[in-house]
Structures are given as structure tokens and as C-alpha cells.
């Protein structure tokens, strides 16, 4: 259900580009309970500004009725498996 809310939020308001790359959010899951922690996985997520993080927090709060509850969102970027590690 977290992933569906994430995709709906991204579809309505995509994240801003940073250079030539647009951050791509793949899926979300719960990472903790007190306070609630939502972990979002994807590519180029280190380029997401604080304003977009607040937008996602607001969307999750309104969807799951968490008004007044502190909510943390953590972004985890995946690495490209085709980049050569220490080319010989």
C-alpha cells in the first residue's frame, strides 16, 4: 500500500530534475514504528530536495491519517551494477 501511495504522489507531482537525471522512486516499505519510518528505494534519490521530501510526508500523512505524528522518510539509492568496480 505504501508503494501505491508513492506512485500516485509521483504521478501527480514528479520530482524535479537534477542536471540530466530525474530521481526515479521504485518502491516504499515501512522501516520502523516509533516514529513511523518509510524507506523509499530508487535511483538518483540523493538529488531530491527537502521540499519534495515534505510533499511526500504530507501525502503519506493524509493518506494514512497520521495527523500530528512525526513521520520520517529515508531514501536509499541503488547502485548501477554495470559500472566497473576498479577497472583493470
Protein backbone atom coordinates (compact mmCIF):
# COMPACT_ATOMS: atom_id res chain seq x y z
CA UNK A 1 0.00 0.00 0.00
CA UNK A 2 2.91 2.39 0.67
CA UNK A 3 4.20 1.84 -2.86
CA UNK A 4 0.78 2.62 -4.36
CA UNK A 5 0.60 5.91 -2.45
CA UNK A 6 4.18 6.72 -3.51
CA UNK A 7 3.43 6.08 -7.20
CA UNK A 8 0.23 8.15 -7.03
CA UNK A 9 2.14 11.07 -5.45
CA UNK A 10 4.93 10.86 -8.05
CA UNK A 11 2.40 10.67 -10.89
CA UNK A 12 0.62 13.79 -9.64
CA UNK A 13 3.83 15.74 -8.96
CA UNK A 14 7.08 14.23 -10.34
CA UNK A 15 10.34 15.03 -8.53
CA UNK A 16 12.41 17.86 -10.03
CA UNK A 17 15.36 17.07 -12.25
CA UNK A 18 18.90 17.49 -11.02
CA UNK A 19 21.00 18.05 -14.13
CA UNK A 20 20.10 15.41 -16.72
CA UNK A 21 18.82 12.83 -14.23
CA UNK A 22 15.33 12.67 -12.77
CA UNK A 23 15.13 10.73 -9.49
CA UNK A 24 13.18 7.51 -10.00
CA UNK A 25 11.36 6.07 -6.99
CA UNK A 26 10.68 2.36 -7.33
CA UNK A 27 9.02 1.17 -4.10
CA UNK A 28 8.46 2.04 -0.44
CA UNK A 29 8.16 -0.02 2.74
CA UNK A 30 7.92 0.53 6.47
CA UNK A 31 11.25 0.64 8.26
CA UNK A 32 10.27 1.47 11.83
CA UNK A 33 7.33 2.17 14.09
CA UNK A 34 8.18 4.81 16.65
CA UNK A 35 8.18 7.33 14.96
CA UNK A 36 6.93 5.80 11.70
CA UNK A 37 9.74 5.40 9.17
CA UNK A 38 9.11 4.96 5.46
CA UNK A 39 12.03 3.80 3.33
CA UNK A 40 11.89 4.67 -0.37
CA UNK A 41 14.15 2.81 -2.81
CA UNK A 42 15.12 4.03 -6.26
CA UNK A 43 17.78 5.70 -8.39
CA UNK A 44 19.41 9.13 -8.01
CA UNK A 45 17.50 9.81 -4.78
CA UNK A 46 20.32 11.88 -3.29
CA UNK A 47 19.17 14.71 -5.60
CA UNK A 48 15.71 15.02 -4.02
CA UNK A 49 15.24 18.45 -2.41
CA UNK A 50 13.76 18.95 1.06
CA UNK A 51 10.63 20.50 -0.43
CA UNK A 52 9.81 17.25 -2.26
CA UNK A 53 10.51 15.24 0.90
CA UNK A 54 7.96 17.43 2.74
CA UNK A 55 5.48 16.92 -0.10
CA UNK A 56 5.80 13.13 0.26
CA UNK A 57 5.45 13.35 4.05
CA UNK A 58 2.23 15.33 3.63
CA UNK A 59 0.85 12.81 1.14
CA UNK A 60 1.64 9.84 3.42
CA UNK A 61 0.21 11.65 6.47
CA UNK A 62 -3.05 12.50 4.73
CA UNK A 63 -3.45 9.05 3.13
CA UNK A 64 -2.85 7.10 6.36
CA UNK A 65 -4.46 9.66 8.73
CA UNK A 66 -1.27 10.33 10.70
CA UNK A 67 -2.03 13.97 11.56
CA UNK A 68 0.20 15.21 14.37
CA UNK A 69 2.51 12.19 14.15
CA UNK A 70 6.17 12.76 13.30
CA UNK A 71 6.97 10.85 10.12
CA UNK A 72 10.44 10.14 8.76
CA UNK A 73 11.24 9.31 5.15
CA UNK A 74 14.58 7.75 4.28
CA UNK A 75 15.82 7.47 0.70
CA UNK A 76 18.03 4.57 -0.39
CA UNK A 77 19.62 4.81 -3.82
CA UNK A 78 20.59 1.65 -5.64
CA UNK A 79 23.89 1.43 -7.48
CA UNK A 80 24.32 0.64 -11.15
CA UNK A 81 25.51 -2.99 -11.34
CA UNK A 82 27.14 -2.40 -14.74
CA UNK A 83 29.64 0.19 -13.56
CA UNK A 84 33.01 -1.48 -13.35
CA UNK A 85 34.42 -1.50 -9.86
CA UNK A 86 38.13 -0.64 -10.18
CA UNK A 87 38.71 -1.33 -13.88
CA UNK A 88 41.92 -3.23 -14.53
